[in-house]
């Protein structure tokens, strides 16, 4: 009589395979989280460059920068299609118009990667005093500036 052997996997073999799959998936997820962080930071940097270009178009058309970034100042005149927002939480980027007649500005975003290479080329501007800031339209008070110290990537004209 022929003896029929057991076919299949033992419980130990299945547990080892499941453990290996779990370890591999945790490594992959950790890599994906890092890629997502880099992606969000790249979007922030790109958004600030787009806003900077739109602000220069506004300056060319009006002889000064807007006191606030909104649809009326940049979208309606056609300087930019939409006002970009931060990819996490959809908050507006930090912006302050500076100088009498809004002759300058300070714009920035906080990056998640605190050691990003882009920090070597930003301005790291400190917050301007209230007397040097351009007041919001329809208001006599100036909008508060922000500190551009890293991890804030900030730009000025």
Foldseek 3Di string as FASTA:
>chain_A
DDDDDDDDDDPVVVVVVVVVVVVVVVVVVVVVVVVVLVVLQVVQVVLVVLVVQQQVVLCVVPVAGAQDDDCVRRCVVPSDPHRAARPPPRHHWFKFQWADRSHKMKTKDQGPPQPDPLVVPADQAQWDDFVGTDCHPPDPGGDTHHGCHPVIRMHMD
